[in-house]
Amino acid sequence: IPRLENMRSGQEDAMAQRTQPSGGLEGMAVLVTGGGTGIGRACAERLAADGAAVTICGRTESKLAEAAKCVEAAAAHGGSVRWVAADVTREDDVRAAVARALEPTGRLDGCVANAGGGGGMGPYHVQEVEEFLRVLHLNVLGTMLCIKHTVTHMIEAGGGSFVGMSSLAGHVTHPYFGAYTPGKAGIEAMMRNAADEYGHKGVRFNAIRPGFIATEIMGNIPRESRTYRSYVENTPMAGVGEPEDVAHLARFLVGPESRWITGEAINVDGGHALRRGPDFSEFAEAMFGRAVLDGKPPERRG
C-alpha cells in the first residue's frame, strides 16, 4: 500500500507541474497579511514563484523573517519578498504595510488579506464582550482597513485583485466558535459589497473559504479526537487540506486568468461544505461542563 500511495503521489506531482501556470505575475506587487505562517506564507511563496514582488506582514518579526527566507527560496521569474511587522487592527500599521508593498514597483496590484483568527470559544451565553470584539476586530475591521488602504492604489494601477480569507465557518455552522463565524461571514459580505462598489474601476474582490487545512493552529486538534474525526467523516474527499491548496486559488484570483471573476466566495475544503460543520463539543464541554452546553448559566466564581 505505501508503494501504491507513493506512485499516486508522484503522478499527482507530475500532473500538477504540467498544469500549474509558470510565471505570469512578473511586475506585479502584492501584499499578503498574516504572511508569517501557514496559509499566508504559502500564498506568498506561490505568488513570488510566479514573479510577483510580495510583501508579507504580521505581528511577530521572528516568524516574518523566517517566512521571508522560505518565500525568497521559492521566488522565480523575478519574484521577490520583503516584510514588515504590522497589526491589521491598527490603521497606522496597515498604512505602513501598504507603503512597504509599494516600494518595489511604485504600484499595488493585489492584496491577500489573510490575517485573522478566532478565540473566545464557548456558547453565546458565556461570551465575554471584550474577547468577542477582539475577534471581530481582527477579522472584519482588519479586512476593512486593508481594503481602505489598498484599493486606491489598485485603482491608480488600472485595476487589481483583493482576496479576503473567509472560512468554512463563514457559511456552515460551527457551534461554540463565538465571534469567528459572524466575523468570517462579515468578510464575505464585505467582499460582495466592495466588488459592487469598485468593479467599475477594475478592482475585483473575492473570498476564499478554507476548510480544515493542516496549519500550525489546526495542529492543536489531536488526530485521535472526536473533533478531528468529525472533520474527516464530513469531508467527501476524506482528509485535510494543505496550505498550498489555498495558495493555488489565491494565486489564480490575484492573476489575470481570473479577470472576469468578482464577488465570489470559493470553497477549498474537499467538499466539507456539502455536509455539516465540525463537532467541537468535546473541547467546549471540557472548558465549561455539560450543563453550560445544555444552556444553563455558568457558576459564578468568587
Protein backbone atom coordinates (compact mmCIF):
# COMPACT_ATOMS: atom_id res chain seq x y z
CA ILE A 1 0.00 0.00 0.00
CA PRO A 2 2.73 2.58 0.80
CA ARG A 3 4.28 1.89 -2.62
CA LEU A 4 0.93 2.46 -4.33
CA GLU A 5 0.47 5.70 -2.39
CA ASN A 6 3.96 6.86 -3.40
CA MET A 7 3.20 6.12 -7.04
CA ARG A 8 -0.07 8.04 -6.83
CA SER A 9 1.68 10.97 -5.12
CA GLY A 10 4.34 11.04 -7.83
CA GLN A 11 1.70 11.03 -10.56
CA GLU A 12 -0.18 13.86 -8.88
CA ASP A 13 3.01 15.91 -8.52
CA ALA A 14 3.85 15.39 -12.18
CA MET A 15 0.34 16.40 -13.24
CA ALA A 16 0.49 19.50 -11.04
CA GLN A 17 3.76 20.54 -12.65
CA ARG A 18 2.21 20.21 -16.12
CA THR A 19 -0.98 22.09 -15.35
CA GLN A 20 0.09 24.88 -12.99
CA PRO A 21 0.95 28.15 -14.71
CA SER A 22 4.58 29.20 -14.58
CA GLY A 23 5.20 32.90 -14.27
CA GLY A 24 2.55 35.35 -15.32
CA LEU A 25 2.80 37.70 -12.34
CA GLU A 26 6.00 39.46 -13.39
CA GLY A 27 5.95 43.15 -12.48
CA MET A 28 3.02 42.78 -10.10
CA ALA A 29 3.21 43.87 -6.45
CA VAL A 30 1.07 42.07 -3.88
CA LEU A 31 0.58 42.49 -0.13
CA VAL A 32 -0.10 39.35 1.93
CA THR A 33 -1.21 39.93 5.52
CA GLY A 34 -0.67 37.25 8.12
CA GLY A 35 2.18 36.07 5.89
CA GLY A 36 4.45 34.71 8.58
CA THR A 37 2.92 31.24 8.89
CA GLY A 38 0.52 28.72 7.41
CA ILE A 39 -1.79 29.80 4.62
CA GLY A 40 -0.35 33.31 4.40
CA ARG A 41 3.20 32.07 3.93
CA ALA A 42 2.06 29.52 1.35
CA CYS A 43 0.25 32.27 -0.58
CA ALA A 44 3.36 34.45 -0.53
CA GLU A 45 5.53 31.58 -1.78
CA ARG A 46 3.12 30.79 -4.61
CA LEU A 47 2.86 34.42 -5.73
CA ALA A 48 6.63 35.01 -5.62
CA ALA A 49 7.23 31.76 -7.50
CA ASP A 50 5.27 33.21 -10.42
CA GLY A 51 7.11 36.53 -10.42
CA ALA A 52 5.26 38.83 -8.01
CA ALA A 53 7.01 41.29 -5.73
CA VAL A 54 5.45 40.12 -2.46
CA THR A 55 5.31 41.96 0.83
CA ILE A 56 4.31 39.96 3.89
CA CYS A 57 3.21 41.40 7.19
CA GLY A 58 2.27 40.04 10.59
CA ARG A 59 2.75 40.77 14.27
CA THR A 60 5.82 38.62 15.02
CA GLU A 61 9.11 39.72 13.48
CA SER A 62 10.89 36.40 14.01
CA LYS A 63 8.19 34.49 12.12
CA LEU A 64 8.20 37.03 9.31
CA ALA A 65 11.97 36.85 8.93
CA GLU A 66 11.86 33.05 8.78
CA ALA A 67 8.95 33.07 6.34
CA ALA A 68 10.76 35.57 4.11
CA LYS A 69 13.61 33.08 3.71
CA CYS A 70 11.15 30.42 2.51
CA VAL A 71 9.46 32.84 0.12
CA GLU A 72 12.80 34.00 -1.23
CA ALA A 73 13.83 30.40 -1.87
CA ALA A 74 10.59 29.82 -3.81
CA ALA A 75 10.78 33.04 -5.83
CA ALA A 76 11.26 32.80 -9.59
CA HIS A 77 10.56 34.82 -12.74
CA GLY A 78 11.88 37.94 -10.98
CA GLY A 79 9.71 37.46 -7.89
CA SER A 80 10.88 38.91 -4.59
CA VAL A 81 9.89 39.30 -0.96
CA ARG A 82 10.08 41.88 1.81
CA TRP A 83 8.42 42.01 5.20
CA VAL A 84 7.13 44.49 7.75
CA ALA A 85 5.71 43.99 11.24
CA ALA A 86 2.09 45.14 11.34
CA ASP A 87 -1.12 44.56 13.28
CA VAL A 88 -4.03 44.78 10.84
CA THR A 89 -6.35 46.13 13.54
CA ARG A 90 -4.15 49.25 13.83
CA GLU A 91 -4.72 51.69 10.98
CA ASP A 92 -1.24 53.22 11.11
CA ASP A 93 0.28 49.72 10.85
CA VAL A 94 -1.81 48.88 7.80
CA ARG A 95 -0.87 52.19 6.18
CA ALA A 96 2.82 51.42 6.79
CA ALA A 97 2.48 47.89 5.40
CA VAL A 98 0.90 49.20 2.21
CA ALA A 99 3.68 51.78 1.85
CA ARG A 100 6.23 48.97 2.12
CA ALA A 101 4.38 46.98 -0.55
CA LEU A 102 4.59 49.97 -2.93
CA GLU A 103 8.38 50.14 -2.72
CA PRO A 104 9.37 47.56 -5.37
CA THR A 105 7.31 48.89 -8.28
CA GLY A 106 5.62 52.08 -7.07
CA ARG A 107 2.22 50.46 -7.52
CA LEU A 108 -0.01 47.80 -5.96
CA ASP A 109 -1.77 45.10 -7.95
CA GLY A 110 -3.20 42.83 -5.30
CA CYS A 111 -3.80 42.09 -1.65
CA VAL A 112 -4.40 38.76 0.07
CA ALA A 113 -6.00 39.76 3.38
CA ASN A 114 -5.17 36.55 5.19
CA ALA A 115 -4.67 37.87 8.73
CA GLY A 116 -7.43 36.71 11.04
CA GLY A 117 -8.22 34.20 13.73
CA GLY A 118 -10.53 33.02 16.44
CA GLY A 119 -10.76 32.86 20.21
CA GLY A 120 -13.31 33.07 22.98
CA MET A 121 -14.64 29.60 22.32
CA GLY A 122 -17.93 28.73 24.03
CA PRO A 123 -21.74 29.09 23.85
CA TYR A 124 -23.02 32.60 23.26
CA HIS A 125 -24.45 32.92 26.77
CA VAL A 126 -20.91 32.73 28.21
CA GLN A 127 -19.21 35.01 25.68
CA GLU A 128 -17.05 37.81 27.09
CA VAL A 129 -17.70 41.08 25.29
CA GLU A 130 -14.04 42.12 25.15
CA GLU A 131 -12.91 38.85 23.57
CA PHE A 132 -15.87 38.79 21.18
CA LEU A 133 -14.96 42.25 19.93
CA ARG A 134 -11.27 41.34 19.64
CA VAL A 135 -12.10 38.50 17.24
CA LEU A 136 -14.49 40.68 15.22
CA HIS A 137 -11.88 43.42 15.01
CA LEU A 138 -9.18 41.02 13.87
CA ASN A 139 -11.29 39.56 11.09
CA VAL A 140 -13.73 42.27 10.00
CA LEU A 141 -12.02 45.52 10.95
CA GLY A 142 -8.64 44.18 9.85
CA THR A 143 -10.01 43.28 6.43
CA MET A 144 -11.79 46.62 6.08
CA LEU A 145 -8.59 48.54 6.88
CA CYS A 146 -6.76 46.54 4.24
CA ILE A 147 -9.40 47.49 1.70
CA LYS A 148 -9.29 51.12 2.77
CA HIS A 149 -5.56 51.46 2.27
CA THR A 150 -5.02 49.25 -0.79
CA VAL A 151 -7.96 49.95 -3.08
CA THR A 152 -6.96 53.48 -4.09
CA HIS A 153 -3.52 52.24 -5.13
CA MET A 154 -5.05 49.41 -7.17
CA ILE A 155 -7.33 51.91 -8.87
CA GLU A 156 -4.28 54.04 -9.70
CA ALA A 157 -2.62 50.94 -11.14
CA GLY A 158 -5.55 50.48 -13.50
CA GLY A 159 -7.16 47.65 -11.57
CA GLY A 160 -6.30 44.87 -9.16
CA SER A 161 -7.49 41.98 -7.07
CA PHE A 162 -8.34 41.79 -3.38
CA VAL A 163 -8.70 38.35 -1.78
CA GLY A 164 -10.40 38.11 1.62
CA MET A 165 -9.80 35.00 3.72
CA SER A 166 -13.09 33.60 4.94
CA SER A 167 -13.59 30.04 6.18
CA LEU A 168 -15.88 27.05 6.09
CA ALA A 169 -17.18 28.65 9.30
CA GLY A 170 -18.36 31.68 7.34
CA HIS A 171 -21.29 29.75 5.87
CA VAL A 172 -21.52 26.38 7.68
CA THR A 173 -22.40 26.35 11.38
CA HIS A 174 -19.54 25.86 13.84
CA PRO A 175 -21.11 25.62 17.32
CA TYR A 176 -19.10 27.25 20.12
CA PHE A 177 -16.95 29.31 17.74
CA GLY A 178 -18.22 32.61 19.16
CA ALA A 179 -17.31 35.65 17.07
CA TYR A 180 -15.35 33.68 14.49
CA THR A 181 -18.41 32.61 12.47
CA PRO A 182 -20.02 36.07 12.16
CA GLY A 183 -16.55 37.51 11.60
CA LYS A 184 -15.91 35.31 8.60
CA ALA A 185 -19.44 35.81 7.28
CA GLY A 186 -18.80 39.54 7.58
CA ILE A 187 -15.72 39.23 5.38
CA GLU A 188 -17.79 37.54 2.67
CA ALA A 189 -20.44 40.25 2.82
CA MET A 190 -17.71 42.87 2.59
CA MET A 191 -16.19 41.21 -0.49
CA ARG A 192 -19.54 41.22 -2.28
CA ASN A 193 -20.22 44.84 -1.40
CA ALA A 194 -16.73 46.01 -2.36
CA ALA A 195 -16.96 44.08 -5.63
CA ASP A 196 -20.05 46.11 -6.45
CA GLU A 197 -18.53 49.41 -5.32
CA TYR A 198 -15.21 49.13 -7.18
CA GLY A 199 -15.99 46.90 -10.14
CA HIS A 200 -16.28 49.89 -12.49
CA LYS A 201 -12.70 50.77 -11.52
CA GLY A 202 -11.38 47.36 -12.43
CA VAL A 203 -10.75 46.18 -8.87
CA ARG A 204 -12.06 42.70 -8.06
CA PHE A 205 -12.96 41.30 -4.63
CA ASN A 206 -13.34 37.61 -3.84
CA ALA A 207 -13.24 35.42 -0.73
CA ILE A 208 -11.66 32.03 -0.15
CA ARG A 209 -13.32 29.56 2.24
CA PRO A 210 -10.69 27.12 3.56
CA GLY A 211 -11.92 24.04 5.38
CA PHE A 212 -9.61 22.01 7.64
CA ILE A 213 -6.12 23.00 6.48
CA ALA A 214 -3.02 21.46 8.06
CA THR A 215 -1.59 24.59 9.65
CA GLU A 216 0.11 25.20 12.99
CA ILE A 217 -3.19 26.19 14.61
CA MET A 218 -5.11 23.19 13.35
CA GLY A 219 -2.24 21.01 14.52
CA ASN A 220 -3.56 21.56 18.05
CA ILE A 221 -6.50 19.24 17.31
CA PRO A 222 -5.42 15.71 18.31
CA ARG A 223 -5.71 13.30 15.42
CA GLU A 224 -7.36 10.71 17.66
CA SER A 225 -10.02 13.14 18.90
CA ARG A 226 -13.72 13.11 18.10
CA THR A 227 -13.35 16.61 16.69
CA TYR A 228 -10.73 15.57 14.13
CA ARG A 229 -12.79 12.54 13.22
CA SER A 230 -15.84 14.74 12.61
CA TYR A 231 -13.86 16.82 10.11
CA VAL A 232 -12.71 13.81 8.12
CA GLU A 233 -16.05 11.98 8.22
CA ASN A 234 -17.85 15.06 6.90
CA THR A 235 -15.35 15.65 4.09
CA PRO A 236 -16.19 13.75 0.89
CA MET A 237 -12.52 13.65 -0.07
CA ALA A 238 -11.81 12.11 3.37
CA GLY A 239 -8.80 14.07 4.54
CA VAL A 240 -7.44 17.50 5.33
CA GLY A 241 -6.07 20.16 3.03
CA GLU A 242 -2.64 21.74 2.85
CA PRO A 243 -1.80 25.47 2.85
CA GLU A 244 -0.70 25.11 -0.76
CA ASP A 245 -4.25 24.12 -1.74
CA VAL A 246 -5.42 27.56 -0.66
CA ALA A 247 -2.37 29.28 -2.13
CA HIS A 248 -3.07 27.95 -5.63
CA LEU A 249 -6.53 29.51 -5.57
CA ALA A 250 -5.19 32.80 -4.18
CA ARG A 251 -2.65 32.96 -7.00
CA PHE A 252 -5.42 32.36 -9.57
CA LEU A 253 -7.62 35.07 -8.07
CA VAL A 254 -4.75 37.57 -7.97
CA GLY A 255 -3.63 36.80 -11.52
CA PRO A 256 -5.05 37.90 -14.87
CA GLU A 257 -6.61 34.48 -15.51
CA SER A 258 -9.47 35.42 -13.15
CA ARG A 259 -10.14 38.85 -14.70
CA TRP A 260 -13.90 38.19 -15.03
CA ILE A 261 -14.45 36.79 -11.53
CA THR A 262 -15.55 39.06 -8.70
CA GLY A 263 -17.89 39.00 -5.72
CA GLU A 264 -17.45 35.25 -5.21
CA ALA A 265 -16.71 33.07 -2.16
CA ILE A 266 -14.96 29.86 -3.19
CA ASN A 267 -14.60 26.73 -1.07
CA VAL A 268 -11.27 24.95 -0.62
CA ASP A 269 -12.49 22.22 1.71
CA GLY A 270 -12.53 18.85 -0.03
CA GLY A 271 -16.31 19.10 -0.23
CA HIS A 272 -16.88 19.58 3.51
CA ALA A 273 -19.49 22.28 2.91
CA LEU A 274 -21.72 19.63 1.33
CA ARG A 275 -22.33 18.09 4.76
CA ARG A 276 -22.09 19.61 8.24
CA GLY A 277 -19.62 21.52 10.35
CA PRO A 278 -17.14 20.02 12.83
CA ASP A 279 -18.04 18.77 16.29
CA PHE A 280 -16.09 20.75 18.89
CA SER A 281 -18.35 19.73 21.77
CA GLU A 282 -15.60 17.73 23.50
CA PHE A 283 -13.45 20.86 23.76
CA ALA A 284 -16.35 23.04 24.87
CA GLU A 285 -17.51 20.50 27.43
CA ALA A 286 -14.01 20.25 28.89
CA MET A 287 -13.94 24.03 29.27
CA PHE A 288 -17.47 24.71 30.54
CA GLY A 289 -19.10 21.44 31.56
CA ARG A 290 -22.12 19.67 30.10
CA ALA A 291 -24.64 21.82 31.95
CA VAL A 292 -23.45 25.02 30.31
CA LEU A 293 -23.59 23.42 26.87
CA ASP A 294 -27.18 22.48 27.65
CA GLY A 295 -27.98 26.16 28.13
CA LYS A 296 -27.58 26.66 31.87
CA PRO A 297 -25.73 29.71 33.15
CA PRO A 298 -22.17 29.13 34.33
CA GLU A 299 -21.45 29.00 38.03
CA ARG A 300 -20.32 32.30 39.45
CA ARG A 301 -16.85 32.26 40.91
CA GLY A 302 -15.83 34.26 43.94
